[in-house]
């Protein structure tokens, strides 16, 4: 069978562990298997188990070693289907839904999804250029569900009070980069923009005062949403589109997100958006190509930050 192009074909294709191991070998060791422990190329397959063994150091290791799948008792037949699902479901896939599909517990599926999100995280140092849109959004509970004192602070002009802020940059016709930030002050936003956008680019924003100082580095134009949303080519509608997709994922699929994990869900949506012009098979291959060299443990996922695990609705 040729490489899969749909979820149904992926389930059938990766149901054979030998096929899964061959796929991992192709993406992890394209020039031949190398021992994970000593770097020797004298490696052979065990005939009794789906493991590899080094003739020099005599140590055994699996096809999952050195990847996000390492130390998982689950077979690659379940892992690769999970990667396909989260990479290609437009609104994401919940841990409950994945647990039912794979026949594992919800806790296991939750851990699997976070491991895969680690592989979906972008690590490029290339700066955006051309025409850039910059905008922020707030993620959190609806005002009607908040305590009266919190609603009062929001009415007095403290927009986003009680919520988490996410800042986004979009290169028109290209990729988006989104980062969870503590506040919308210039001291926070300006370094993020300078680190991700080439100086001299066109920077379009709303009328927030936080962006005024960036006029010294960019061709900055702003549109005031009090009076208008578009003035010629000056608008942030591209970023608004991304926020719409992200909010749909949060509210419709994940429902409640711990603030400690918000960045991982942002990275997941940014990955799918940035690869929107490719097909399902290419998105799957792209995620799988970055599974090596990354690792996240259950202990790391369960660490609590200063705000604890208050769910974001």
C-alpha atoms as a PDB file:
ATOM      1  CA  UNK A   1       0.000   0.000   0.000  1.00  0.00           C
ATOM      2  CA  UNK A   2       1.257   3.512  -0.842  1.00  0.00           C
ATOM      3  CA  UNK A   3       1.605   6.195   1.805  1.00  0.00           C
ATOM      4  CA  UNK A   4      -1.765   7.178   3.350  1.00  0.00           C
ATOM      5  CA  UNK A   5      -3.603  10.328   2.306  1.00  0.00           C
ATOM      6  CA  UNK A   6      -6.584  10.191   4.693  1.00  0.00           C
ATOM      7  CA  UNK A   7      -7.296   9.219   8.301  1.00  0.00           C
ATOM      8  CA  UNK A   8      -8.922   5.949   7.257  1.00  0.00           C
ATOM      9  CA  UNK A   9      -5.923   4.999   5.144  1.00  0.00           C
ATOM     10  CA  UNK A  10      -3.566   6.041   7.970  1.00  0.00           C
ATOM     11  CA  UNK A  11      -5.343   3.743  10.451  1.00  0.00           C
ATOM     12  CA  UNK A  12      -5.032   0.833   8.052  1.00  0.00           C
ATOM     13  CA  UNK A  13      -1.479   1.636   6.976  1.00  0.00           C
ATOM     14  CA  UNK A  14      -0.048   2.013  10.482  1.00  0.00           C
ATOM     15  CA  UNK A  15      -1.904  -0.963  11.963  1.00  0.00           C
ATOM     16  CA  UNK A  16       1.207  -3.054  11.231  1.00  0.00           C
ATOM     17  CA  UNK A  17       4.023  -2.340  13.710  1.00  0.00           C
ATOM     18  CA  UNK A  18       6.619  -3.385  11.130  1.00  0.00           C
ATOM     19  CA  UNK A  19       5.365  -0.612   8.856  1.00  0.00           C
ATOM     20  CA  UNK A  20       5.501   1.848  11.776  1.00  0.00           C
ATOM     21  CA  UNK A  21       9.072   0.884  12.614  1.00  0.00           C
ATOM     22  CA  UNK A  22      10.099   1.189   8.980  1.00  0.00           C
ATOM     23  CA  UNK A  23       8.557   4.680   8.858  1.00  0.00           C
ATOM     24  CA  UNK A  24      10.398   5.741  12.035  1.00  0.00           C
ATOM     25  CA  UNK A  25      13.649   4.368  10.640  1.00  0.00           C
ATOM     26  CA  UNK A  26      13.166   6.403   7.458  1.00  0.00           C
ATOM     27  CA  UNK A  27      12.598   9.729   9.237  1.00  0.00           C
ATOM     28  CA  UNK A  28      14.955   9.242  12.196  1.00  0.00           C
ATOM     29  CA  UNK A  29      17.881   7.494  10.524  1.00  0.00           C
ATOM     30  CA  UNK A  30      17.698   8.325   6.796  1.00  0.00           C
ATOM     31  CA  UNK A  31      21.372   7.426   6.338  1.00  0.00           C
ATOM     32  CA  UNK A  32      21.356   4.237   8.403  1.00  0.00           C
ATOM     33  CA  UNK A  33      20.606   3.368  12.028  1.00  0.00           C
ATOM     34  CA  UNK A  34      23.038   4.744  14.592  1.00  0.00           C
ATOM     35  CA  UNK A  35      23.277   3.468  18.171  1.00  0.00           C
ATOM     36  CA  UNK A  36      21.527   5.853  20.555  1.00  0.00           C
ATOM     37  CA  UNK A  37      24.060   5.110  23.301  1.00  0.00           C
ATOM     38  CA  UNK A  38      27.513   5.020  21.659  1.00  0.00           C
ATOM     39  CA  UNK A  39      26.955   6.279  18.108  1.00  0.00           C
ATOM     40  CA  UNK A  40      28.055   3.047  16.452  1.00  0.00           C
ATOM     41  CA  UNK A  41      26.601   2.021  13.108  1.00  0.00           C
ATOM     42  CA  UNK A  42      26.940  -1.675  13.984  1.00  0.00           C
ATOM     43  CA  UNK A  43      23.254  -2.073  14.825  1.00  0.00           C
ATOM     44  CA  UNK A  44      20.971  -4.986  14.038  1.00  0.00           C
ATOM     45  CA  UNK A  45      17.358  -5.987  14.648  1.00  0.00           C
ATOM     46  CA  UNK A  46      16.463  -8.551  17.276  1.00  0.00           C
ATOM     47  CA  UNK A  47      14.546 -11.496  15.880  1.00  0.00           C
ATOM     48  CA  UNK A  48      12.513 -12.049  19.051  1.00  0.00           C
ATOM     49  CA  UNK A  49      11.350  -8.496  19.772  1.00  0.00           C
ATOM     50  CA  UNK A  50      10.848  -5.256  17.800  1.00  0.00           C
ATOM     51  CA  UNK A  51      14.063  -3.787  19.223  1.00  0.00           C
ATOM     52  CA  UNK A  52      17.502  -2.816  17.954  1.00  0.00           C
ATOM     53  CA  UNK A  53      20.825  -3.854  19.472  1.00  0.00           C
ATOM     54  CA  UNK A  54      24.316  -2.459  19.118  1.00  0.00           C
ATOM     55  CA  UNK A  55      27.147  -4.900  18.497  1.00  0.00           C
ATOM     56  CA  UNK A  56      29.699  -2.560  20.111  1.00  0.00           C
ATOM     57  CA  UNK A  57      28.090  -1.473  23.402  1.00  0.00           C
ATOM     58  CA  UNK A  58      25.642  -4.429  23.537  1.00  0.00           C
ATOM     59  CA  UNK A  59      22.773  -2.135  24.525  1.00  0.00           C
ATOM     60  CA  UNK A  60      19.248  -2.416  23.201  1.00  0.00           C
ATOM     61  CA  UNK A  61      16.971   0.437  22.186  1.00  0.00           C
ATOM     62  CA  UNK A  62      13.666   0.910  20.424  1.00  0.00           C
ATOM     63  CA  UNK A  63      12.625   2.842  17.347  1.00  0.00           C
ATOM     64  CA  UNK A  64      10.991   5.386  19.700  1.00  0.00           C
ATOM     65  CA  UNK A  65      14.194   6.301  21.551  1.00  0.00           C
ATOM     66  CA  UNK A  66      15.162   9.974  21.366  1.00  0.00           C
ATOM     67  CA  UNK A  67      11.691  11.083  20.295  1.00  0.00           C
ATOM     68  CA  UNK A  68       8.521  12.351  21.946  1.00  0.00           C
ATOM     69  CA  UNK A  69       7.364   8.703  21.979  1.00  0.00           C
ATOM     70  CA  UNK A  70      10.238   7.503  24.184  1.00  0.00           C
ATOM     71  CA  UNK A  71       9.364   5.403  27.265  1.00  0.00           C
ATOM     72  CA  UNK A  72       5.731   5.139  26.197  1.00  0.00           C
ATOM     73  CA  UNK A  73       4.201   1.667  26.630  1.00  0.00           C
ATOM     74  CA  UNK A  74       1.890   2.367  23.693  1.00  0.00           C
ATOM     75  CA  UNK A  75       2.831   1.066  20.285  1.00  0.00           C
ATOM     76  CA  UNK A  76       3.608   3.272  17.319  1.00  0.00           C
ATOM     77  CA  UNK A  77       0.401   2.059  15.676  1.00  0.00           C
ATOM     78  CA  UNK A  78      -1.550   4.194  18.165  1.00  0.00           C
ATOM     79  CA  UNK A  79       0.944   7.030  18.323  1.00  0.00           C
ATOM     80  CA  UNK A  80       1.049   7.678  14.580  1.00  0.00           C
ATOM     81  CA  UNK A  81      -2.734   7.717  14.297  1.00  0.00           C
ATOM     82  CA  UNK A  82      -2.841  10.253  17.144  1.00  0.00           C
ATOM     83  CA  UNK A  83      -0.310  12.455  15.336  1.00  0.00           C
ATOM     84  CA  UNK A  84      -2.381  12.293  12.149  1.00  0.00           C
ATOM     85  CA  UNK A  85      -5.537  13.264  14.034  1.00  0.00           C
ATOM     86  CA  UNK A  86      -4.226  16.330  15.857  1.00  0.00           C
ATOM     87  CA  UNK A  87      -2.230  17.576  12.869  1.00  0.00           C
ATOM     88  CA  UNK A  88      -5.232  17.507  10.539  1.00  0.00           C
ATOM     89  CA  UNK A  89      -8.358  18.125  12.630  1.00  0.00           C
ATOM     90  CA  UNK A  90      -9.097  21.797  11.948  1.00  0.00           C
ATOM     91  CA  UNK A  91     -10.528  22.395  15.419  1.00  0.00           C
ATOM     92  CA  UNK A  92      -8.228  19.988  17.235  1.00  0.00           C
ATOM     93  CA  UNK A  93      -9.181  16.758  18.969  1.00  0.00           C
ATOM     94  CA  UNK A  94     -10.023  16.457  22.653  1.00  0.00           C
ATOM     95  CA  UNK A  95      -8.378  13.924  24.950  1.00  0.00           C
ATOM     96  CA  UNK A  96     -11.761  12.260  25.560  1.00  0.00           C
ATOM     97  CA  UNK A  97     -12.356  11.818  21.837  1.00  0.00           C
ATOM     98  CA  UNK A  98      -8.839  10.493  21.228  1.00  0.00           C
ATOM     99  CA  UNK A  99      -9.154   8.129  24.191  1.00  0.00           C
ATOM    100  CA  UNK A 100     -12.321   6.597  22.736  1.00  0.00           C
ATOM    101  CA  UNK A 101     -10.765   6.316  19.273  1.00  0.00           C
ATOM    102  CA  UNK A 102      -7.568   4.597  20.463  1.00  0.00           C
ATOM    103  CA  UNK A 103      -8.985   2.578  23.341  1.00  0.00           C
ATOM    104  CA  UNK A 104      -6.829   4.247  26.015  1.00  0.00           C
ATOM    105  CA  UNK A 105      -7.673   6.253  29.138  1.00  0.00           C
ATOM    106  CA  UNK A 106      -8.398   9.978  28.967  1.00  0.00           C
ATOM    107  CA  UNK A 107      -5.325  10.663  31.101  1.00  0.00           C
ATOM    108  CA  UNK A 108      -3.130   8.771  28.631  1.00  0.00           C
ATOM    109  CA  UNK A 109      -4.669  10.559  25.638  1.00  0.00           C
ATOM    110  CA  UNK A 110      -4.128  13.939  27.346  1.00  0.00           C
ATOM    111  CA  UNK A 111      -0.444  13.115  27.831  1.00  0.00           C
ATOM    112  CA  UNK A 112      -0.135  11.926  24.234  1.00  0.00           C
ATOM    113  CA  UNK A 113      -1.621  15.138  22.861  1.00  0.00           C
ATOM    114  CA  UNK A 114       0.747  17.313  24.887  1.00  0.00           C
ATOM    115  CA  UNK A 115       3.728  15.328  23.672  1.00  0.00           C
ATOM    116  CA  UNK A 116       2.624  15.837  20.081  1.00  0.00           C
ATOM    117  CA  UNK A 117       2.094  19.569  20.686  1.00  0.00           C
ATOM    118  CA  UNK A 118       5.729  19.713  21.753  1.00  0.00           C
ATOM    119  CA  UNK A 119       6.671  18.503  18.262  1.00  0.00           C
ATOM    120  CA  UNK A 120       4.322  21.063  16.678  1.00  0.00           C
ATOM    121  CA  UNK A 121       6.086  23.950  18.407  1.00  0.00           C
ATOM    122  CA  UNK A 122       7.979  26.183  15.975  1.00  0.00           C
ATOM    123  CA  UNK A 123      11.653  26.767  16.691  1.00  0.00           C
ATOM    124  CA  UNK A 124      12.723  28.961  13.782  1.00  0.00           C
ATOM    125  CA  UNK A 125      14.960  32.021  14.147  1.00  0.00           C
ATOM    126  CA  UNK A 126      13.903  33.467  10.777  1.00  0.00           C
ATOM    127  CA  UNK A 127      12.249  36.839  11.092  1.00  0.00           C
ATOM    128  CA  UNK A 128       8.991  37.825   9.418  1.00  0.00           C
ATOM    129  CA  UNK A 129       9.150  40.502   6.732  1.00  0.00           C
ATOM    130  CA  UNK A 130       6.994  42.372   4.244  1.00  0.00           C
ATOM    131  CA  UNK A 131       3.570  43.376   5.512  1.00  0.00           C
ATOM    132  CA  UNK A 132       2.967  42.321   9.119  1.00  0.00           C
ATOM    133  CA  UNK A 133      -0.200  42.469  11.188  1.00  0.00           C
ATOM    134  CA  UNK A 134       0.077  42.619  14.972  1.00  0.00           C
ATOM    135  CA  UNK A 135      -2.805  42.094  17.369  1.00  0.00           C
ATOM    136  CA  UNK A 136      -3.721  40.632  20.750  1.00  0.00           C
ATOM    137  CA  UNK A 137      -6.597  38.609  22.104  1.00  0.00           C
ATOM    138  CA  UNK A 138      -7.711  37.583  25.575  1.00  0.00           C
ATOM    139  CA  UNK A 139      -8.526  34.016  26.568  1.00  0.00           C
ATOM    140  CA  UNK A 140     -10.633  33.284  29.609  1.00  0.00           C
ATOM    141  CA  UNK A 141     -14.090  32.916  31.077  1.00  0.00           C
ATOM    142  CA  UNK A 142     -17.165  34.837  29.994  1.00  0.00           C
ATOM    143  CA  UNK A 143     -17.997  37.909  32.056  1.00  0.00           C
ATOM    144  CA  UNK A 144     -21.351  36.429  33.083  1.00  0.00           C
ATOM    145  CA  UNK A 145     -19.514  33.606  34.855  1.00  0.00           C
ATOM    146  CA  UNK A 146     -17.103  35.882  36.725  1.00  0.00           C
ATOM    147  CA  UNK A 147     -17.377  37.189  40.269  1.00  0.00           C
ATOM    148  CA  UNK A 148     -19.095  40.544  40.610  1.00  0.00           C
ATOM    149  CA  UNK A 149     -15.856  42.303  41.662  1.00  0.00           C
ATOM    150  CA  UNK A 150     -14.086  41.037  38.515  1.00  0.00           C
ATOM    151  CA  UNK A 151     -16.929  42.221  36.277  1.00  0.00           C
ATOM    152  CA  UNK A 152     -16.769  45.662  37.906  1.00  0.00           C
ATOM    153  CA  UNK A 153     -13.052  45.995  37.117  1.00  0.00           C
ATOM    154  CA  UNK A 154     -13.732  45.048  33.519  1.00  0.00           C
ATOM    155  CA  UNK A 155     -16.499  47.676  33.296  1.00  0.00           C
ATOM    156  CA  UNK A 156     -14.068  50.331  34.581  1.00  0.00           C
ATOM    157  CA  UNK A 157     -11.928  49.856  31.493  1.00  0.00           C
ATOM    158  CA  UNK A 158      -9.509  47.111  32.496  1.00  0.00           C
ATOM    159  CA  UNK A 159      -9.977  45.069  29.322  1.00  0.00           C
ATOM    160  CA  UNK A 160      -9.067  41.452  29.682  1.00  0.00           C
ATOM    161  CA  UNK A 161      -8.983  41.563  33.473  1.00  0.00           C
ATOM    162  CA  UNK A 162      -8.973  37.998  34.805  1.00  0.00           C
ATOM    163  CA  UNK A 163      -7.929  36.584  31.416  1.00  0.00           C
ATOM    164  CA  UNK A 164      -4.668  35.586  29.713  1.00  0.00           C
ATOM    165  CA  UNK A 165      -3.327  37.663  26.831  1.00  0.00           C
ATOM    166  CA  UNK A 166      -1.990  36.181  23.591  1.00  0.00           C
ATOM    167  CA  UNK A 167      -0.050  38.336  21.129  1.00  0.00           C
ATOM    168  CA  UNK A 168       0.085  37.433  17.452  1.00  0.00           C
ATOM    169  CA  UNK A 169       2.096  38.456  14.388  1.00  0.00           C
ATOM    170  CA  UNK A 170       0.982  37.563  10.879  1.00  0.00           C
ATOM    171  CA  UNK A 171       3.015  37.920   7.713  1.00  0.00           C
ATOM    172  CA  UNK A 172       0.421  38.424   5.016  1.00  0.00           C
ATOM    173  CA  UNK A 173       0.352  35.408   2.749  1.00  0.00           C
ATOM    174  CA  UNK A 174       2.701  33.611   5.147  1.00  0.00           C
ATOM    175  CA  UNK A 175       2.935  32.350   8.687  1.00  0.00           C
ATOM    176  CA  UNK A 176       1.613  33.429  12.048  1.00  0.00           C
ATOM    177  CA  UNK A 177       3.476  33.511  15.352  1.00  0.00           C
ATOM    178  CA  UNK A 178       1.591  33.741  18.620  1.00  0.00           C
ATOM    179  CA  UNK A 179       2.928  34.082  22.148  1.00  0.00           C
ATOM    180  CA  UNK A 180       1.279  34.174  25.562  1.00  0.00           C
ATOM    181  CA  UNK A 181       2.320  37.423  27.249  1.00  0.00           C
ATOM    182  CA  UNK A 182       1.722  38.739  30.793  1.00  0.00           C
ATOM    183  CA  UNK A 183       0.401  42.194  29.799  1.00  0.00           C
ATOM    184  CA  UNK A 184      -0.226  44.358  26.739  1.00  0.00           C
ATOM    185  CA  UNK A 185       2.195  47.057  27.856  1.00  0.00           C
ATOM    186  CA  UNK A 186       4.788  48.393  25.424  1.00  0.00           C
ATOM    187  CA  UNK A 187       7.632  47.001  27.557  1.00  0.00           C
ATOM    188  CA  UNK A 188       6.301  43.500  26.828  1.00  0.00           C
ATOM    189  CA  UNK A 189       4.965  43.770  23.266  1.00  0.00           C
ATOM    190  CA  UNK A 190       7.783  45.790  21.677  1.00  0.00           C
ATOM    191  CA  UNK A 191      10.572  43.254  22.388  1.00  0.00           C
ATOM    192  CA  UNK A 192       8.385  40.475  20.963  1.00  0.00           C
ATOM    193  CA  UNK A 193       7.820  42.412  17.730  1.00  0.00           C
ATOM    194  CA  UNK A 194      11.482  43.396  17.416  1.00  0.00           C
ATOM    195  CA  UNK A 195      12.601  39.792  17.934  1.00  0.00           C
ATOM    196  CA  UNK A 196      10.278  38.416  15.253  1.00  0.00           C
ATOM    197  CA  UNK A 197       9.946  41.101  12.556  1.00  0.00           C
ATOM    198  CA  UNK A 198      12.613  42.513  10.252  1.00  0.00           C
ATOM    199  CA  UNK A 199      13.149  46.237  10.745  1.00  0.00           C
ATOM    200  CA  UNK A 200      11.777  48.354   7.916  1.00  0.00           C
ATOM    201  CA  UNK A 201       8.745  46.105   7.377  1.00  0.00           C
ATOM    202  CA  UNK A 202       5.195  47.444   7.121  1.00  0.00           C
ATOM    203  CA  UNK A 203       3.574  47.005  10.524  1.00  0.00           C
ATOM    204  CA  UNK A 204      -0.198  47.311  10.777  1.00  0.00           C
ATOM    205  CA  UNK A 205      -1.837  47.356  14.212  1.00  0.00           C
ATOM    206  CA  UNK A 206      -4.833  48.709  16.043  1.00  0.00           C
ATOM    207  CA  UNK A 207      -4.649  52.065  17.802  1.00  0.00           C
ATOM    208  CA  UNK A 208      -3.177  50.728  21.047  1.00  0.00           C
ATOM    209  CA  UNK A 209      -0.572  53.062  22.552  1.00  0.00           C
ATOM    210  CA  UNK A 210       1.765  50.118  23.116  1.00  0.00           C
ATOM    211  CA  UNK A 211       2.791  50.205  19.431  1.00  0.00           C
ATOM    212  CA  UNK A 212       3.689  53.905  19.134  1.00  0.00           C
ATOM    213  CA  UNK A 213       7.405  53.453  19.888  1.00  0.00           C
ATOM    214  CA  UNK A 214       7.737  50.883  17.073  1.00  0.00           C
ATOM    215  CA  UNK A 215       7.356  53.654  14.484  1.00  0.00           C
ATOM    216  CA  UNK A 216      11.102  54.227  14.883  1.00  0.00           C
ATOM    217  CA  UNK A 217      11.846  50.754  13.474  1.00  0.00           C
ATOM    218  CA  UNK A 218       8.940  50.016  11.113  1.00  0.00           C
ATOM    219  CA  UNK A 219       6.587  51.701   8.654  1.00  0.00           C
ATOM    220  CA  UNK A 220       3.827  51.699  11.226  1.00  0.00           C
ATOM    221  CA  UNK A 221       0.185  52.449  10.488  1.00  0.00           C
ATOM    222  CA  UNK A 222      -2.738  51.900  12.816  1.00  0.00           C
ATOM    223  CA  UNK A 223      -6.475  51.585  12.402  1.00  0.00           C
ATOM    224  CA  UNK A 224      -8.792  52.692  15.189  1.00  0.00           C
ATOM    225  CA  UNK A 225     -11.518  50.127  15.737  1.00  0.00           C
ATOM    226  CA  UNK A 226     -13.687  52.830  17.269  1.00  0.00           C
ATOM    227  CA  UNK A 227     -14.198  54.422  13.858  1.00  0.00           C
ATOM    228  CA  UNK A 228     -13.171  51.809  11.273  1.00  0.00           C
ATOM    229  CA  UNK A 229     -11.741  48.356  10.779  1.00  0.00           C
ATOM    230  CA  UNK A 230     -10.196  48.793   7.323  1.00  0.00           C
ATOM    231  CA  UNK A 231      -8.464  51.762   5.697  1.00  0.00           C
ATOM    232  CA  UNK A 232      -7.177  50.653   2.333  1.00  0.00           C
ATOM    233  CA  UNK A 233      -4.636  47.938   3.034  1.00  0.00           C
ATOM    234  CA  UNK A 234      -4.300  48.926   6.692  1.00  0.00           C
ATOM    235  CA  UNK A 235      -6.126  46.399   8.849  1.00  0.00           C
ATOM    236  CA  UNK A 236      -5.572  43.437  11.164  1.00  0.00           C
ATOM    237  CA  UNK A 237      -8.268  41.206   9.703  1.00  0.00           C
ATOM    238  CA  UNK A 238      -5.779  38.413   9.021  1.00  0.00           C
ATOM    239  CA  UNK A 239      -4.917  38.143  12.705  1.00  0.00           C
ATOM    240  CA  UNK A 240      -8.596  38.423  13.605  1.00  0.00           C
ATOM    241  CA  UNK A 241      -9.215  35.422  11.361  1.00  0.00           C
ATOM    242  CA  UNK A 242      -6.572  33.435  13.240  1.00  0.00           C
ATOM    243  CA  UNK A 243      -8.041  34.431  16.603  1.00  0.00           C
ATOM    244  CA  UNK A 244     -11.456  33.286  15.377  1.00  0.00           C
ATOM    245  CA  UNK A 245     -10.066  29.850  14.498  1.00  0.00           C
ATOM    246  CA  UNK A 246      -8.213  29.637  17.802  1.00  0.00           C
ATOM    247  CA  UNK A 247     -11.237  30.652  19.912  1.00  0.00           C
ATOM    248  CA  UNK A 248     -13.375  28.116  18.040  1.00  0.00           C
ATOM    249  CA  UNK A 249     -10.876  25.421  18.992  1.00  0.00           C
ATOM    250  CA  UNK A 250     -10.722  26.519  22.622  1.00  0.00           C
ATOM    251  CA  UNK A 251     -14.459  26.897  23.172  1.00  0.00           C
ATOM    252  CA  UNK A 252     -15.680  24.101  20.940  1.00  0.00           C
ATOM    253  CA  UNK A 253     -13.122  21.337  21.474  1.00  0.00           C
ATOM    254  CA  UNK A 254     -11.019  21.896  24.569  1.00  0.00           C
ATOM    255  CA  UNK A 255     -13.595  23.867  26.615  1.00  0.00           C
ATOM    256  CA  UNK A 256     -11.237  24.563  29.535  1.00  0.00           C
ATOM    257  CA  UNK A 257      -7.481  25.153  29.293  1.00  0.00           C
ATOM    258  CA  UNK A 258      -5.147  25.584  32.249  1.00  0.00           C
ATOM    259  CA  UNK A 259      -3.189  28.857  31.955  1.00  0.00           C
ATOM    260  CA  UNK A 260       0.014  26.847  32.415  1.00  0.00           C
ATOM    261  CA  UNK A 261      -0.658  24.993  29.140  1.00  0.00           C
ATOM    262  CA  UNK A 262      -2.135  27.823  27.062  1.00  0.00           C
ATOM    263  CA  UNK A 263       1.035  28.317  24.994  1.00  0.00           C
ATOM    264  CA  UNK A 264       0.949  24.662  23.875  1.00  0.00           C
ATOM    265  CA  UNK A 265      -2.584  25.048  22.504  1.00  0.00           C
ATOM    266  CA  UNK A 266      -1.565  28.284  20.778  1.00  0.00           C
ATOM    267  CA  UNK A 267       1.377  26.467  19.154  1.00  0.00           C
ATOM    268  CA  UNK A 268      -0.941  23.698  17.971  1.00  0.00           C
ATOM    269  CA  UNK A 269      -3.299  26.104  16.222  1.00  0.00           C
ATOM    270  CA  UNK A 270      -0.401  28.113  14.771  1.00  0.00           C
ATOM    271  CA  UNK A 271       1.070  24.942  13.261  1.00  0.00           C
ATOM    272  CA  UNK A 272      -2.154  24.009  11.482  1.00  0.00           C
ATOM    273  CA  UNK A 273      -2.611  27.586  10.266  1.00  0.00           C
ATOM    274  CA  UNK A 274       0.953  27.835   8.950  1.00  0.00           C
ATOM    275  CA  UNK A 275       0.559  24.561   7.023  1.00  0.00           C
ATOM    276  CA  UNK A 276      -2.964  25.274   5.778  1.00  0.00           C
ATOM    277  CA  UNK A 277      -1.840  25.159   2.144  1.00  0.00           C
ATOM    278  CA  UNK A 278      -0.468  21.600   2.379  1.00  0.00           C
ATOM    279  CA  UNK A 279      -2.420  18.328   2.426  1.00  0.00           C
ATOM    280  CA  UNK A 280      -2.984  15.956   5.344  1.00  0.00           C
ATOM    281  CA  UNK A 281      -0.074  13.675   4.490  1.00  0.00           C
ATOM    282  CA  UNK A 282       2.395  16.583   4.309  1.00  0.00           C
ATOM    283  CA  UNK A 283       1.229  18.004   7.647  1.00  0.00           C
ATOM    284  CA  UNK A 284       1.655  14.563   9.210  1.00  0.00           C
ATOM    285  CA  UNK A 285       5.165  14.183   7.782  1.00  0.00           C
ATOM    286  CA  UNK A 286       6.087  17.678   8.991  1.00  0.00           C
ATOM    287  CA  UNK A 287       5.117  16.867  12.577  1.00  0.00           C
ATOM    288  CA  UNK A 288       6.834  13.492  12.464  1.00  0.00           C
ATOM    289  CA  UNK A 289      10.047  15.094  11.177  1.00  0.00           C
ATOM    290  CA  UNK A 290      10.272  17.156  14.395  1.00  0.00           C
ATOM    291  CA  UNK A 291       9.483  14.379  16.870  1.00  0.00           C
ATOM    292  CA  UNK A 292      13.162  13.492  17.314  1.00  0.00           C
ATOM    293  CA  UNK A 293      15.214  15.376  19.866  1.00  0.00           C
ATOM    294  CA  UNK A 294      12.191  16.657  21.803  1.00  0.00           C
ATOM    295  CA  UNK A 295      10.867  15.347  25.058  1.00  0.00           C
ATOM    296  CA  UNK A 296       8.286  16.365  27.640  1.00  0.00           C
ATOM    297  CA  UNK A 297       7.571  14.356  30.778  1.00  0.00           C
ATOM    298  CA  UNK A 298       4.366  13.977  32.727  1.00  0.00           C
ATOM    299  CA  UNK A 299       6.016  15.695  35.706  1.00  0.00           C
ATOM    300  CA  UNK A 300       6.775  18.760  33.576  1.00  0.00           C
ATOM    301  CA  UNK A 301       3.183  18.913  32.379  1.00  0.00           C
ATOM    302  CA  UNK A 302       1.863  18.715  35.925  1.00  0.00           C
ATOM    303  CA  UNK A 303       4.016  21.471  37.374  1.00  0.00           C
ATOM    304  CA  UNK A 304       1.851  24.341  38.560  1.00  0.00           C
ATOM    305  CA  UNK A 305       2.736  27.933  37.890  1.00  0.00           C
ATOM    306  CA  UNK A 306       1.942  30.833  40.165  1.00  0.00           C
ATOM    307  CA  UNK A 307      -1.662  31.004  39.004  1.00  0.00           C
ATOM    308  CA  UNK A 308      -2.368  27.301  39.540  1.00  0.00           C
ATOM    309  CA  UNK A 309      -4.700  25.269  37.365  1.00  0.00           C
ATOM    310  CA  UNK A 310      -7.664  27.620  37.097  1.00  0.00           C
ATOM    311  CA  UNK A 311      -9.346  26.541  33.871  1.00  0.00           C
ATOM    312  CA  UNK A 312      -9.849  28.987  31.050  1.00  0.00           C
ATOM    313  CA  UNK A 313     -13.366  28.563  29.700  1.00  0.00           C
END
